[in-house]
Protein backbone atom coordinates (compact mmCIF):
# COMPACT_ATOMS: atom_id res chain seq x y z
CA MET A 1 51.76 19.40 11.48
CA LYS A 2 50.22 17.54 8.60
CA ILE A 3 48.21 14.38 9.08
CA PRO A 4 49.66 11.72 6.76
CA ILE A 5 46.28 10.52 5.60
CA SER A 6 44.63 11.62 2.40
CA VAL A 7 40.87 12.03 2.61
CA PRO A 8 39.35 11.82 -0.87
CA ALA A 9 36.79 14.48 -1.59
CA GLU A 10 33.42 13.20 -2.79
CA THR A 11 32.71 14.51 -6.24
CA PHE A 12 29.24 15.11 -7.65
CA ARG A 13 29.24 13.42 -11.03
CA VAL A 14 26.27 13.81 -13.32
CA ARG A 15 25.26 10.43 -14.67
CA THR A 16 22.83 9.33 -17.34
CA VAL A 17 20.32 8.29 -14.67
CA ASP A 18 20.40 11.83 -13.18
CA ILE A 19 19.68 13.36 -16.59
CA ALA A 20 16.78 10.91 -17.08
CA LEU A 21 15.47 11.76 -13.62
CA PHE A 22 15.68 15.49 -14.36
CA PHE A 23 13.59 15.18 -17.54
CA LEU A 24 11.11 12.90 -15.74
CA ILE A 25 10.54 15.47 -12.99
CA LEU A 26 10.34 18.25 -15.59
CA GLY A 27 7.70 16.31 -17.54
CA ILE A 28 5.60 15.65 -14.42
CA LEU A 29 5.74 19.33 -13.40
CA SER A 30 4.73 20.40 -16.94
CA VAL A 31 1.66 18.13 -16.88
CA VAL A 32 0.66 19.32 -13.38
CA LEU A 33 1.02 23.00 -14.35
CA TYR A 34 -1.01 22.47 -17.54
CA ILE A 35 -3.82 20.77 -15.64
CA ALA A 36 -3.73 23.42 -12.91
CA SER A 37 -4.21 26.10 -15.59
CA GLN A 38 -7.23 24.17 -16.90
CA TRP A 39 -8.77 23.97 -13.42
CA GLY A 40 -8.77 27.75 -13.15
CA ALA A 41 -10.98 28.10 -16.23
CA SER A 42 -14.70 28.83 -16.13
CA TYR A 43 -17.04 25.85 -16.03
CA GLU A 44 -18.91 24.96 -19.22
CA ARG A 45 -22.44 23.86 -18.41
CA ILE A 46 -22.65 21.63 -21.49
CA LEU A 47 -19.21 20.12 -22.00
CA GLU A 48 -18.94 17.87 -25.03
CA ILE A 49 -16.58 14.92 -24.68
CA ASP A 50 -14.85 14.47 -28.04
CA LEU A 51 -14.42 10.76 -28.83
CA ASN A 52 -11.57 11.42 -31.25
CA PRO A 53 -8.68 9.19 -30.01
CA LYS A 54 -6.21 12.08 -30.31
CA ASN A 55 -7.87 13.66 -27.23
CA ILE A 56 -7.27 10.58 -25.06
CA PRO A 57 -3.77 11.58 -23.77
CA GLY A 58 -5.11 14.92 -22.47
CA TYR A 59 -8.11 13.24 -20.84
CA ALA A 60 -5.90 10.51 -19.34
CA SER A 61 -3.45 13.00 -17.77
CA GLN A 62 -6.30 14.89 -16.08
CA SER A 63 -7.81 11.68 -14.67
CA LEU A 64 -4.38 10.59 -13.45
CA VAL A 65 -3.86 13.84 -11.52
CA ARG A 66 -7.34 13.56 -9.93
CA ILE A 67 -6.75 9.96 -8.83
CA PHE A 68 -3.33 10.59 -7.28
CA THR A 69 -4.44 13.83 -5.61
CA ALA A 70 -7.29 11.85 -4.02
CA TYR A 71 -4.80 9.09 -3.10
CA LEU A 72 -2.45 11.49 -1.29
CA LEU A 73 -5.42 12.85 0.66
CA SER A 74 -6.49 9.27 1.43
CA LEU A 75 -3.01 8.27 2.63
CA THR A 76 -2.72 11.30 4.93
CA PHE A 77 -6.23 10.79 6.30
CA SER A 78 -5.69 7.02 6.81
CA ILE A 79 -2.49 7.45 8.84
CA TRP A 80 -3.94 10.27 10.95
CA TYR A 81 -7.30 8.57 11.56
CA GLY A 82 -5.88 5.09 12.26
CA TYR A 83 -3.22 6.44 14.63
CA THR A 84 -5.68 8.70 16.48
CA ALA A 85 -8.26 5.90 16.84
CA SER A 86 -5.66 3.57 18.38
CA ARG A 87 -4.39 6.08 20.97
CA SER A 88 -7.07 5.36 23.58
CA LYS A 89 -10.20 3.32 24.19
CA ILE A 90 -12.34 6.48 24.09
CA HIS A 91 -11.04 7.42 20.63
CA GLU A 92 -11.55 3.84 19.46
CA LYS A 93 -15.15 3.63 20.70
CA ILE A 94 -16.09 6.83 18.86
CA MET A 95 -13.94 6.76 15.71
CA ILE A 96 -14.22 3.10 14.62
CA PRO A 97 -18.06 3.00 14.59
CA LEU A 98 -17.92 6.34 12.71
CA LEU A 99 -15.51 4.74 10.22
CA ASP A 100 -17.97 1.86 9.76
CA ILE A 101 -20.74 4.36 8.96
CA LEU A 102 -18.60 6.41 6.54
CA GLN A 103 -17.43 3.26 4.76
CA SER A 104 -21.01 2.11 4.30
CA ILE A 105 -22.16 5.29 2.53
CA PRO A 106 -21.96 4.79 -1.26
CA VAL A 107 -20.04 7.23 -3.48
CA LEU A 108 -23.23 8.41 -5.18
CA SER A 109 -24.83 9.24 -1.81
CA PHE A 110 -21.99 11.68 -1.12
CA LEU A 111 -22.40 13.10 -4.62
CA PRO A 112 -25.34 15.58 -4.30
CA GLY A 113 -24.10 17.27 -1.12
CA VAL A 114 -20.44 17.44 -2.20
CA VAL A 115 -21.17 18.72 -5.72
CA LEU A 116 -23.73 21.33 -4.67
CA ALA A 117 -21.48 22.55 -1.83
CA MET A 118 -18.44 22.97 -4.11
CA ILE A 119 -20.47 24.72 -6.81
CA ALA A 120 -21.87 27.10 -4.16
CA ILE A 121 -18.35 27.86 -2.86
CA PHE A 122 -16.89 28.29 -6.39
CA PRO A 123 -19.83 29.55 -8.52
CA GLY A 124 -19.22 29.35 -12.27
CA GLU A 125 -15.68 28.01 -11.83
CA ARG A 126 -14.43 24.60 -12.88
CA ILE A 127 -12.26 24.17 -9.80
CA GLY A 128 -15.40 23.58 -7.70
CA LEU A 129 -16.38 20.57 -9.79
CA GLU A 130 -12.76 19.36 -9.83
CA ILE A 131 -12.60 19.43 -6.02
CA ALA A 132 -15.95 17.63 -5.85
CA CYS A 133 -14.66 14.92 -8.24
CA ILE A 134 -11.46 14.46 -6.17
CA LEU A 135 -13.46 14.21 -2.94
CA LEU A 136 -15.76 11.61 -4.50
CA ILE A 137 -12.75 9.55 -5.63
CA PHE A 138 -11.34 10.01 -2.11
CA THR A 139 -14.47 8.43 -0.60
CA GLY A 140 -13.92 5.37 -2.82
CA GLN A 141 -10.22 5.04 -1.88
CA VAL A 142 -9.75 5.91 1.76
CA TRP A 143 -11.64 3.37 3.90
CA ASN A 144 -9.65 0.18 3.18
CA MET A 145 -6.36 2.06 3.74
CA THR A 146 -7.63 3.42 7.07
CA PHE A 147 -8.75 -0.03 8.25
CA SER A 148 -5.43 -1.52 7.13
CA PHE A 149 -3.31 0.99 9.07
CA TYR A 150 -5.53 0.80 12.16
CA HIS A 151 -5.51 -3.01 12.21
CA SER A 152 -1.73 -3.16 11.59
CA ILE A 153 -0.75 -0.96 14.52
CA ASN A 154 -3.19 -2.84 16.76
CA THR A 155 -1.59 -6.21 15.96
CA ILE A 156 2.06 -5.24 16.64
CA PRO A 157 3.77 -8.08 18.58
CA LYS A 158 4.04 -7.60 22.32
CA GLU A 159 7.85 -7.93 22.39
CA MET A 160 8.18 -5.02 19.95
CA ARG A 161 6.07 -2.84 22.21
CA GLU A 162 8.29 -3.89 25.12
CA VAL A 163 11.39 -2.80 23.20
CA VAL A 164 9.82 0.64 22.72
CA LYS A 165 9.29 0.90 26.50
CA ILE A 166 12.82 -0.32 27.31
CA PHE A 167 14.42 2.27 25.01
CA LYS A 168 11.97 4.93 26.27
CA LEU A 169 10.95 6.05 22.80
CA ASN A 170 8.45 8.89 22.74
CA LYS A 171 5.25 8.83 20.70
CA PHE A 172 6.83 10.33 17.59
CA SER A 173 9.78 7.90 17.62
CA LYS A 174 7.42 4.94 18.17
CA PHE A 175 5.28 6.12 15.25
CA LEU A 176 8.33 6.62 13.03
CA ARG A 177 10.35 3.52 14.00
CA LEU A 178 7.62 0.96 14.74
CA ASP A 179 4.09 1.89 13.65
CA LEU A 180 4.90 3.01 10.08
CA PRO A 181 7.38 0.19 9.26
CA PHE A 182 5.13 -2.53 10.70
CA SER A 183 2.12 -1.29 8.71
CA ALA A 184 4.08 -0.66 5.47
CA ILE A 185 3.34 -3.96 3.68
CA GLY A 186 -0.42 -3.84 4.29
CA LEU A 187 -0.59 -0.12 3.55
CA ILE A 188 1.22 -0.47 0.20
CA TRP A 189 -0.97 -3.34 -1.00
CA ASN A 190 -4.11 -1.48 0.10
CA SER A 191 -2.79 1.60 -1.69
CA MET A 192 -2.75 -0.45 -4.89
CA MET A 193 -6.34 -1.43 -4.21
CA SER A 194 -7.32 2.17 -3.49
CA VAL A 195 -5.87 3.49 -6.75
CA ALA A 196 -7.52 0.59 -8.58
CA GLY A 197 -10.77 1.61 -6.86
CA GLY A 198 -10.23 5.16 -8.11
CA TRP A 199 -10.15 3.89 -11.70
CA PHE A 200 -13.18 1.69 -10.96
CA PHE A 201 -15.39 4.62 -9.88
CA LEU A 202 -13.87 7.12 -12.32
CA MET A 203 -16.82 6.91 -14.73
CA ALA A 204 -19.28 7.71 -11.93
CA CYS A 205 -17.16 10.60 -10.57
CA GLU A 206 -16.29 12.45 -13.81
CA MET A 207 -19.71 12.32 -15.45
CA PHE A 208 -23.07 12.20 -13.67
CA VAL A 209 -26.62 13.54 -13.78
CA LEU A 210 -28.14 15.24 -10.73
CA LYS A 211 -31.86 15.74 -11.20
CA ASP A 212 -32.11 17.79 -14.46
CA LYS A 213 -28.45 18.95 -14.46
CA ASP A 214 -25.68 17.21 -16.37
CA PHE A 215 -22.22 17.52 -14.76
CA ARG A 216 -19.12 16.30 -16.58
CA LEU A 217 -15.38 16.86 -16.58
CA PRO A 218 -12.85 16.05 -19.32
CA GLY A 219 -11.20 12.77 -18.35
CA LEU A 220 -10.74 9.13 -19.20
CA GLY A 221 -13.77 8.10 -17.15
CA SER A 222 -16.09 10.54 -18.92
CA TYR A 223 -14.59 9.45 -22.28
CA ILE A 224 -15.41 5.76 -21.60
CA GLN A 225 -18.86 6.66 -20.21
CA THR A 226 -19.68 8.81 -23.26
CA ALA A 227 -18.53 6.01 -25.59
CA ALA A 228 -20.69 3.52 -23.66
CA ASN A 229 -23.72 5.84 -23.84
CA HIS A 230 -23.27 6.07 -27.61
CA GLY A 231 -22.87 2.29 -27.81
CA SER A 232 -19.43 2.71 -29.42
CA ILE A 233 -17.53 -0.43 -28.41
CA GLU A 234 -14.54 0.73 -30.49
CA HIS A 235 -14.05 3.91 -28.44
CA VAL A 236 -14.70 2.03 -25.17
CA ILE A 237 -11.79 -0.26 -26.14
CA TYR A 238 -9.61 2.79 -26.91
CA GLY A 239 -10.35 4.21 -23.44
CA LEU A 240 -9.84 0.90 -21.64
CA GLY A 241 -6.62 0.26 -23.58
CA THR A 242 -5.24 3.63 -22.45
CA MET A 243 -6.30 2.89 -18.87
CA ILE A 244 -4.56 -0.49 -18.95
CA GLY A 245 -1.40 1.12 -20.36
CA LEU A 246 -1.38 3.68 -17.53
CA ILE A 247 -1.92 0.95 -14.91
CA ILE A 248 1.05 -1.03 -16.28
CA LEU A 249 3.28 2.07 -16.12
CA ILE A 250 2.11 2.90 -12.59
CA ASP A 251 2.82 -0.68 -11.52
CA LEU A 252 6.34 -0.64 -13.04
CA PHE A 253 7.38 2.78 -11.76
CA ILE A 254 5.54 3.05 -8.42
CA TRP A 255 3.98 -0.09 -6.93
CA ARG A 256 6.60 -2.68 -7.87
CA PRO A 257 9.48 -0.60 -6.41
CA LEU A 258 7.44 0.08 -3.25
CA THR A 259 6.60 -3.63 -2.90
CA VAL A 260 10.29 -4.55 -3.17
CA TRP A 261 11.26 -1.77 -0.73
CA SER A 262 8.61 -2.85 1.83
CA GLN A 263 10.12 -6.36 2.11
CA ARG A 264 12.79 -4.92 4.44
CA PHE A 265 10.04 -4.56 7.07
CA ARG A 266 9.24 -8.29 7.24
CA ILE A 267 9.75 -9.96 10.61
CA ASP A 268 12.50 -12.34 9.45
CA ASN A 269 15.55 -13.83 11.08
CA ILE A 270 16.82 -15.33 7.82
CA LEU A 271 16.95 -13.92 4.32
CA PRO A 272 14.59 -15.35 1.66
CA GLU A 273 16.10 -17.58 -0.99
CA GLU A 274 14.93 -15.28 -3.77
CA GLU A 275 14.60 -11.54 -3.27
CA ARG A 276 12.00 -9.55 -5.19
CA GLU A 277 13.52 -7.16 -7.68
CA SER A 278 12.52 -3.98 -9.51
CA PHE A 279 14.40 -2.68 -12.53
CA VAL A 280 13.38 0.87 -11.50
CA ILE A 281 15.19 0.52 -8.16
CA ASN A 282 18.17 -1.08 -9.88
CA PHE A 283 18.28 1.75 -12.45
CA PHE A 284 17.88 4.69 -10.08
CA SER A 285 20.11 3.21 -7.35
CA GLY A 286 23.11 4.69 -9.20
CA SER A 287 21.72 8.23 -9.09
CA VAL A 288 23.95 10.60 -7.08
CA PHE A 289 21.09 13.13 -6.91
CA LEU A 290 18.72 10.61 -5.29
CA LYS A 291 21.37 9.58 -2.76
CA LYS A 292 21.95 13.22 -1.82
CA LEU A 293 18.18 13.78 -1.59
CA ALA A 294 17.71 10.66 0.56
CA ASN A 295 20.51 11.73 2.93
CA PHE A 296 19.03 15.23 3.15
CA CYS A 297 15.53 13.89 3.97
CA GLU A 298 16.97 11.46 6.53
CA SER A 299 18.88 14.26 8.27
CA ILE A 300 15.71 16.39 8.47
CA ILE A 301 13.71 13.47 9.93
CA ASN A 302 16.45 12.76 12.48
CA SER A 303 16.54 16.43 13.46
CA ILE A 304 12.77 16.49 13.94
CA GLU A 305 12.99 13.32 16.00
CA LYS A 306 15.69 14.83 18.24
CA MET A 307 13.62 17.98 18.67
CA SER A 308 10.62 15.87 19.76
CA TYR A 309 12.59 14.79 22.86
CA LYS A 310 13.25 18.35 23.96
CA LYS A 311 10.84 19.65 26.54
CA ILE A 312 9.37 22.90 25.35
CA ALA A 313 8.59 25.23 28.22
CA THR A 314 4.96 26.22 28.16
CA ILE A 315 3.60 29.15 30.05
CA LYS A 316 0.31 28.26 31.64
CA THR A 317 -1.51 31.03 33.39
CA PRO A 318 -5.09 31.13 34.64
CA PHE A 319 -5.94 33.50 31.79
CA ILE A 320 -4.55 31.13 29.11
CA ASN A 321 -6.27 28.12 30.71
CA ARG A 322 -9.54 30.05 30.70
CA LEU A 323 -9.09 30.91 27.01
CA ILE A 324 -8.43 27.25 26.18
CA LYS A 325 -11.60 26.17 28.02
CA ILE A 326 -13.68 28.86 26.30
CA PHE A 327 -12.31 27.86 22.89
CA SER A 328 -13.06 24.18 23.59
CA ILE A 329 -16.64 24.97 24.66
CA ILE A 330 -17.23 27.14 21.57
CA SER A 331 -15.86 24.37 19.32
CA VAL A 332 -18.16 21.76 20.90
CA VAL A 333 -21.17 24.11 20.60
CA ILE A 334 -20.42 24.76 16.90
CA ILE A 335 -20.08 21.02 16.16
CA LEU A 336 -23.30 20.17 18.05
CA THR A 337 -25.13 23.01 16.27
CA ALA A 338 -23.98 21.75 12.89
CA ILE A 339 -25.10 18.19 13.79
CA LEU A 340 -28.48 19.48 15.00
CA TRP A 341 -28.93 21.58 11.84
CA ALA A 342 -28.11 18.56 9.66
CA PHE A 343 -30.52 16.39 11.68
CA LEU A 344 -33.36 18.92 11.28
CA LYS A 345 -32.72 19.17 7.53
CA ALA A 346 -32.70 15.38 7.24
CA SER A 347 -35.87 15.02 9.33
CA ARG A 348 -37.73 17.31 6.90
CA LEU A 349 -36.92 14.90 4.10
CA LEU A 350 -38.43 12.04 6.12
CA TYR A 351 -41.78 13.83 6.62
CA SER A 352 -42.90 12.88 3.12
CA ILE A 353 -41.78 9.24 3.38
CA THR A 354 -44.68 6.83 2.91
CA LEU A 355 -45.15 3.24 4.09
CA ASN A 356 -44.79 2.14 0.47
CA ASP A 357 -41.34 3.78 0.31
CA ILE A 358 -40.23 1.89 3.43
CA LEU A 359 -41.52 -1.44 2.11
CA THR A 360 -39.78 -0.81 -1.22
CA ILE A 361 -36.48 -0.10 0.57
CA LEU A 362 -36.82 -3.22 2.76
CA ASN A 363 -37.51 -5.39 -0.28
CA ALA A 364 -34.56 -3.87 -2.16
CA SER A 365 -32.29 -4.35 0.88
CA PHE A 366 -33.14 -8.06 1.03
CA TYR A 367 -32.18 -8.67 -2.60
CA SER A 368 -28.98 -6.64 -2.28
CA LEU A 369 -28.02 -8.55 0.88
CA LEU A 370 -28.36 -11.84 -1.00
CA ARG A 371 -26.18 -10.57 -3.87
CA VAL A 372 -23.53 -9.15 -1.53
CA SER A 373 -23.35 -12.42 0.43
CA ALA A 374 -23.03 -14.44 -2.77
CA ALA A 375 -20.33 -12.10 -4.11
CA LEU A 376 -18.30 -12.34 -0.86
CA LEU A 377 -18.47 -16.14 -0.78
CA ILE A 378 -17.43 -16.46 -4.44
CA ALA A 379 -14.63 -13.92 -3.92
CA LEU A 380 -13.30 -15.69 -0.81
CA ALA A 381 -13.38 -19.08 -2.54
CA TRP A 382 -10.80 -18.06 -5.16
CA THR A 383 -8.87 -15.14 -3.62
CA LEU A 384 -7.73 -17.15 -0.57
CA PRO A 385 -5.66 -19.78 -2.45
CA VAL A 386 -4.55 -17.40 -5.22
CA GLY A 387 -3.58 -14.61 -2.79
CA VAL A 388 -1.54 -16.98 -0.61
CA TYR A 389 0.21 -18.40 -3.70
CA ILE A 390 1.15 -14.92 -4.99
CA GLY A 391 2.23 -13.67 -1.55
CA LEU A 392 4.52 -16.65 -0.85
CA ASN A 393 6.13 -16.79 -4.30
CA PRO A 394 8.31 -13.89 -5.48
CA LYS A 395 8.25 -15.22 -9.05
CA ALA A 396 4.44 -15.26 -9.06
CA THR A 397 4.38 -11.74 -7.60
CA LYS A 398 6.66 -10.48 -10.36
CA ILE A 399 4.36 -11.86 -13.08
CA LEU A 400 0.88 -11.52 -11.56
CA GLN A 401 1.08 -8.25 -9.58
CA GLY A 402 0.60 -6.05 -12.65
CA ILE A 403 -2.07 -8.33 -14.14
CA VAL A 404 -4.10 -8.23 -10.92
CA GLN A 405 -3.94 -4.41 -10.81
CA ILE A 406 -5.10 -4.15 -14.43
CA VAL A 407 -8.10 -6.43 -13.91
CA ALA A 408 -8.96 -4.74 -10.59
CA SER A 409 -8.98 -1.30 -12.20
CA VAL A 410 -11.31 -1.99 -15.13
CA PRO A 411 -14.69 -0.28 -14.43
CA ALA A 412 -17.50 -2.82 -14.17
CA THR A 413 -19.85 -0.75 -16.29
CA ALA A 414 -17.31 -0.63 -19.13
CA VAL A 415 -17.23 -4.42 -19.50
CA PHE A 416 -20.92 -4.79 -18.75
CA PRO A 417 -22.02 -5.39 -22.38
CA VAL A 418 -19.72 -8.42 -22.68
CA ILE A 419 -20.92 -9.84 -19.34
CA LEU A 420 -24.56 -9.16 -20.19
CA LEU A 421 -24.33 -10.89 -23.58
CA PHE A 422 -22.65 -13.86 -21.92
CA LEU A 423 -25.37 -14.11 -19.26
CA ILE A 424 -28.17 -13.74 -21.80
CA ASN A 425 -26.75 -16.71 -23.69
CA LEU A 426 -26.75 -18.67 -20.42
CA GLY A 427 -30.34 -17.65 -19.69
CA GLY A 428 -29.50 -15.17 -16.90
CA GLY A 429 -30.16 -11.44 -16.66
CA LEU A 430 -29.11 -8.48 -14.55
CA ASP A 431 -30.32 -10.29 -11.40
CA ILE A 432 -27.37 -12.67 -11.79
CA GLY A 433 -25.20 -10.24 -13.76
CA ALA A 434 -25.21 -7.79 -10.83
CA VAL A 435 -23.40 -10.39 -8.71
CA PHE A 436 -20.62 -10.69 -11.31
CA LEU A 437 -20.38 -6.91 -11.61
CA MET A 438 -20.25 -6.71 -7.81
CA LEU A 439 -17.41 -9.21 -7.81
CA LEU A 440 -15.41 -6.89 -10.07
CA GLY A 441 -15.58 -4.23 -7.38
CA THR A 442 -15.20 -6.27 -4.19
CA GLN A 443 -12.99 -9.33 -4.70
CA TRP A 444 -9.82 -7.25 -5.01
CA TYR A 445 -10.09 -5.97 -1.43
CA LEU A 446 -9.74 -9.57 -0.30
CA LEU A 447 -7.03 -10.50 -2.80
CA PHE A 448 -4.73 -7.55 -2.07
CA ASN A 449 -5.03 -8.01 1.72
CA ILE A 450 -4.43 -11.76 1.50
CA ILE A 451 -1.33 -11.16 -0.65
CA ALA A 452 -0.10 -8.63 1.93
CA GLY A 453 -0.72 -11.12 4.74
CA ALA A 454 1.07 -13.96 2.97
CA SER A 455 3.99 -11.63 2.12
CA SER A 456 4.41 -10.74 5.80
CA ILE A 457 4.66 -14.34 7.09
CA PRO A 458 8.22 -14.66 8.49
CA LYS A 459 10.56 -16.71 6.31
CA ASP A 460 11.94 -18.64 9.30
CA LEU A 461 8.45 -19.99 10.12
CA LEU A 462 8.10 -21.20 6.53
CA GLU A 463 11.52 -22.88 6.77
CA ILE A 464 10.60 -24.57 10.06
CA SER A 465 7.35 -25.92 8.57
CA ARG A 466 9.34 -27.26 5.62
CA ALA A 467 11.96 -28.86 7.91
CA TYR A 468 9.30 -30.65 9.95
CA GLY A 469 7.44 -31.80 6.84
CA ILE A 470 4.27 -29.79 7.60
CA LYS A 471 2.29 -29.73 4.36
CA GLY A 472 -1.21 -29.51 2.93
CA LEU A 473 -4.17 -28.90 5.22
CA ARG A 474 -2.05 -29.05 8.37
CA LYS A 475 0.18 -26.23 7.08
CA TRP A 476 -2.89 -24.11 6.31
CA LYS A 477 -4.33 -24.69 9.80
CA THR A 478 -1.13 -24.14 11.79
CA LEU A 479 0.74 -21.50 9.77
CA ILE A 480 -0.93 -19.89 6.76
CA LEU A 481 -4.42 -19.08 8.10
CA PRO A 482 -3.14 -17.83 11.51
CA GLY A 483 -0.42 -15.83 9.71
CA ILE A 484 -2.79 -14.03 7.34
CA PHE A 485 -5.81 -13.85 9.67
CA PRO A 486 -5.48 -10.13 10.69
CA TYR A 487 -5.11 -9.19 7.00
CA LEU A 488 -7.99 -11.48 6.02
CA VAL A 489 -10.29 -9.77 8.53
CA THR A 490 -9.29 -6.36 7.16
CA GLY A 491 -10.02 -7.64 3.65
CA LEU A 492 -13.43 -8.99 4.65
CA ILE A 493 -14.44 -5.71 6.35
CA THR A 494 -13.45 -3.57 3.36
CA ALA A 495 -14.77 -6.12 0.84
CA SER A 496 -18.15 -6.12 2.55
CA GLY A 497 -18.32 -2.31 2.44
CA GLY A 498 -16.99 -2.35 -1.13
CA ALA A 499 -19.65 -4.85 -2.20
CA TRP A 500 -22.42 -2.60 -0.89
CA ASN A 501 -20.78 0.38 -2.62
CA ALA A 502 -20.57 -1.62 -5.85
CA THR A 503 -24.34 -2.19 -5.83
CA ILE A 504 -24.83 1.37 -7.09
CA VAL A 505 -23.02 0.58 -10.37
CA SER A 506 -23.96 -3.09 -10.70
CA GLU A 507 -27.73 -2.93 -10.15
CA TYR A 508 -28.27 0.21 -12.24
CA VAL A 509 -26.35 0.44 -15.53
CA SER A 510 -26.49 2.86 -18.46
CA PHE A 511 -25.34 1.64 -21.86
CA GLY A 512 -26.22 2.66 -25.41
CA GLY A 513 -28.59 5.35 -24.13
CA GLU A 514 -30.66 2.78 -22.20
CA ILE A 515 -30.98 2.25 -18.46
CA MET A 516 -30.91 -1.34 -17.21
CA HIS A 517 -31.69 -2.04 -13.56
CA THR A 518 -32.85 -4.73 -11.19
CA THR A 519 -34.44 -4.76 -7.73
CA GLY A 520 -31.88 -3.73 -5.15
CA LEU A 521 -30.77 -1.01 -2.77
CA GLY A 522 -28.00 0.16 -5.11
CA ALA A 523 -30.45 0.55 -7.98
CA LEU A 524 -32.81 2.49 -5.69
CA ILE A 525 -30.02 4.88 -4.65
CA SER A 526 -28.87 5.41 -8.26
CA SER A 527 -32.38 6.00 -9.61
CA SER A 528 -33.24 8.35 -6.70
CA ARG A 529 -30.08 10.37 -7.34
CA ALA A 530 -30.79 10.63 -11.07
CA SER A 531 -34.42 11.70 -10.53
CA GLY A 532 -33.63 14.05 -7.64
CA ASN A 533 -35.78 12.09 -5.16
CA PHE A 534 -33.63 13.06 -2.16
CA ARG A 535 -35.95 11.66 0.51
CA VAL A 536 -35.69 8.11 -0.88
CA LEU A 537 -31.96 8.66 -1.53
CA PHE A 538 -31.43 9.69 2.10
CA LEU A 539 -33.51 6.87 3.60
CA SER A 540 -31.92 4.24 1.29
CA THR A 541 -28.45 5.42 2.29
CA CYS A 542 -29.43 5.23 5.97
CA PHE A 543 -30.66 1.66 5.50
CA MET A 544 -27.42 0.68 3.74
CA SER A 545 -25.36 2.26 6.53
CA MET A 546 -27.35 0.43 9.21
CA ILE A 547 -26.92 -2.92 7.43
CA VAL A 548 -23.15 -2.49 6.95
CA VAL A 549 -22.58 -1.23 10.51
CA GLY A 550 -24.72 -4.05 11.90
CA ILE A 551 -22.70 -6.67 10.02
CA ASN A 552 -19.44 -5.03 11.12
CA ARG A 553 -20.50 -4.97 14.76
CA LEU A 554 -21.98 -8.49 14.88
CA VAL A 555 -19.48 -10.37 12.70
CA TRP A 556 -16.32 -8.53 11.66
CA LYS A 557 -15.59 -6.84 15.00
CA ARG A 558 -15.58 -10.20 16.79
CA LEU A 559 -13.20 -11.61 14.20
CA PHE A 560 -10.95 -8.55 14.58
CA ILE A 561 -10.82 -9.00 18.37
CA MET A 562 -9.84 -12.64 17.76
CA ALA A 563 -7.10 -11.52 15.34
CA LYS A 564 -5.90 -8.91 17.83
CA THR A 565 -5.69 -11.29 20.78
CA LYS A 566 -5.08 -14.76 19.37
CA TYR A 567 -3.30 -14.43 16.01
CA ILE A 568 -0.42 -12.05 16.75
CA LEU A 569 3.22 -13.00 16.19
CA GLU A 570 4.53 -13.22 19.76
């Protein structure tokens, strides 16, 4: 018996967009394979960076791979660390203070240990220096993303948590269906900031001096740094122009589509009047290949989720339990031994510390604290209104999102000559100039988080405020500030750590073969690293860590508790 219904078979038609996608993937794979072949080469002790503009595309592609490799590591680490820290009070009490300490350590303080370790593991091979460079970029990208994810999943509304309990979702389903979607907006905007931070510290990570050894890798950062050292403004502009072009392309093809996609995770009961759009999403939405790939990935995720509900029978015997206990004890002993060994090594460095060294560090810390405070206040004064305006206006986002990323990514040391000349004409020097250079590295943490916060304010609350005629200062007090407060706190925490990190490139600058510096903790760390004075480098880093952790514990933690308990959408 035949069923009198015709079921049309779905045909796989190759469209223009699929052909374009194929060549795009092929091009990306070709670049990755080329760079991977370069990483396997032997390391040249004296690598000359050729300033000929024809070499820029090769340098730019290598820098791009380093930055996005570090970003993928940062994203994985952020989600794992933030989720683990939020699982219990014990995890939180150990992991969050540790995160404060790690955030407070400047990139250049990680540099000696990371570089020497990688060179020891891979002697004479370039891959060791490549891994060291990626890890250094990682340390400049990861902390704001980790704080963002941790703060997001700790400010999930109570009713959403109740829904999870009612439907009896397990930990994996809760993570997949609630934690990740709720944190998506903040995580995407902080990802933009992290990649921008990667460009910002690229010059310091691809080319540096450690005592009497000169380490450098071919890349856009080393190209700009070499041009700056030669005082060649023309080649600095070539390098910056290429960097700006790459940032625009990344914004168009990655961040703008992700920003548009993340709007589906807003807590809204009504649709916004004007949806954000991306021509990339509109173009690739017709791809049959992408639809098939999306359906395939979704089916795999659903299968994994179903498997997570199945109880796997575990065989627990006294012998296995004993093995687990022995393994745990051995692991703890190894970790404690490593900590003790590191402590003994560090204590040897402190034996030769003099009272004069301590007084110098205290004096430098005072001046850096003043500059950091000034930079944060100036940054907050303009990022708060601008960030709210961009976040609440899709038209403004469309125009200003790319511009903000470009400006945020420009290395401070690359534009230093222009800033210095401007300040000299005003009668200022590096004492004041360091604050402006610090701003270039710290204000964007605030801006991106404020934009994310304003973007996540529910549309129905905005409509209600408009219907009741709530405007001006009253609207800021009752809706905008409470709505963005958790994101603002995240921005302040990461901006504070970023400002202290930025002291290493703003208080100690190399240009035209000359070193310019001022009194400050960042300058002390940079000069100690360059001269190989590891005892002062270690003690200065410890002082910076103590200051940042102290500020986080006394100020930012209290604000975070307030955001967690008082300013949650209930």
